[in-house]
Amino acid sequence: MKVFIICLSLLFSYNLLACPYGSIVKIDEKLQSSDSSKLTSETFSKISDLRSKGEKALKLGNIEESEKILNKALALFKAEQN
């Protein structure tokens, strides 16, 4: 029974990270981390705006659109680091 519960929790956590909600969490963590101080105010604003738009699209049921928007926000973090 313990093995079943552990497997189920791992499966759930994997699915959470694979969906737009997982991307929102990643963006929030990065915006609140000390690494965000390395972002320009313009980039920080763009990421925040994309995060809001992605969340809004998700709430409206546009999952694919939400994923595209949130992936753009995550890409801005990577672009800023290079």
Protein backbone atom coordinates (compact mmCIF):
# COMPACT_ATOMS: atom_id res chain seq x y z
CA MET A 1 0.00 0.00 0.00
CA LYS A 2 2.85 2.40 0.81
CA VAL A 3 4.43 1.72 -2.57
CA PHE A 4 1.14 2.52 -4.30
CA ILE A 5 0.83 5.83 -2.45
CA ILE A 6 4.43 6.77 -3.24
CA CYS A 7 3.97 5.92 -6.92
CA LEU A 8 0.74 7.87 -7.06
CA SER A 9 2.33 10.93 -5.45
CA LEU A 10 5.28 10.79 -7.87
CA LEU A 11 2.93 10.53 -10.80
CA PHE A 12 0.91 13.49 -9.56
CA SER A 13 3.98 15.65 -8.98
CA TYR A 14 5.29 14.82 -12.47
CA ASN A 15 1.96 15.78 -14.05
CA LEU A 16 1.88 19.02 -12.10
CA LEU A 17 5.24 20.05 -13.48
CA ALA A 18 4.21 19.13 -17.01
CA CYS A 19 1.18 21.39 -17.07
CA PRO A 20 0.82 25.18 -17.25
CA TYR A 21 0.34 25.36 -13.48
CA GLY A 22 3.85 23.96 -13.10
CA SER A 23 5.16 26.68 -15.40
CA ILE A 24 3.41 29.33 -13.34
CA VAL A 25 5.07 27.97 -10.21
CA LYS A 26 8.49 27.99 -11.92
CA ILE A 27 8.01 31.59 -13.04
CA ASP A 28 6.89 32.69 -9.59
CA GLU A 29 9.88 30.97 -7.97
CA LYS A 30 12.30 32.60 -10.39
CA LEU A 31 10.72 36.04 -9.97
CA GLN A 32 10.99 35.76 -6.19
CA SER A 33 14.53 34.37 -6.15
CA SER A 34 17.69 36.39 -5.79
CA ASP A 35 18.40 35.71 -9.48
CA SER A 36 15.57 38.06 -10.40
CA SER A 37 17.74 40.99 -9.28
CA LYS A 38 19.86 40.27 -12.36
CA LEU A 39 16.89 40.96 -14.64
CA THR A 40 16.39 44.38 -16.14
CA SER A 41 13.19 46.11 -15.06
CA GLU A 42 11.91 45.82 -18.63
CA THR A 43 12.49 42.04 -18.73
CA PHE A 44 10.96 41.61 -15.27
CA SER A 45 7.89 43.52 -16.44
CA LYS A 46 7.60 41.44 -19.64
CA ILE A 47 7.86 38.18 -17.71
CA SER A 48 5.26 39.31 -15.18
CA ASP A 49 2.93 40.39 -17.97
CA LEU A 50 3.34 37.08 -19.84
CA ARG A 51 2.72 35.17 -16.61
CA SER A 52 -0.54 37.06 -16.07
CA LYS A 53 -1.64 36.51 -19.67
CA GLY A 54 -0.77 32.80 -19.43
CA GLU A 55 -2.75 32.41 -16.23
CA LYS A 56 -5.71 34.23 -17.76
CA ALA A 57 -5.63 31.99 -20.85
CA LEU A 58 -5.49 28.94 -18.60
CA LYS A 59 -8.50 30.09 -16.59
CA LEU A 60 -10.41 30.58 -19.84
CA GLY A 61 -9.60 26.99 -20.82
CA ASN A 62 -7.04 27.81 -23.52
CA ILE A 63 -4.41 25.35 -22.31
CA GLU A 64 -2.30 25.31 -25.46
CA GLU A 65 -2.25 29.10 -25.69
CA SER A 66 -1.38 29.29 -22.00
CA GLU A 67 1.56 26.91 -22.48
CA LYS A 68 2.89 28.99 -25.38
CA ILE A 69 2.67 32.22 -23.39
CA LEU A 70 4.24 30.75 -20.27
CA ASN A 71 7.05 29.15 -22.30
CA LYS A 72 7.84 32.61 -23.73
CA ALA A 73 8.16 33.92 -20.18
CA LEU A 74 10.48 31.07 -19.20
CA ALA A 75 12.54 31.68 -22.36
CA LEU A 76 13.09 35.28 -21.28
CA PHE A 77 14.79 34.03 -18.12
CA LYS A 78 17.15 31.91 -20.22
CA ALA A 79 17.83 34.74 -22.69
CA GLU A 80 18.66 37.13 -19.87
CA GLN A 81 21.16 34.67 -18.36
CA ASN A 82 23.14 34.41 -21.62
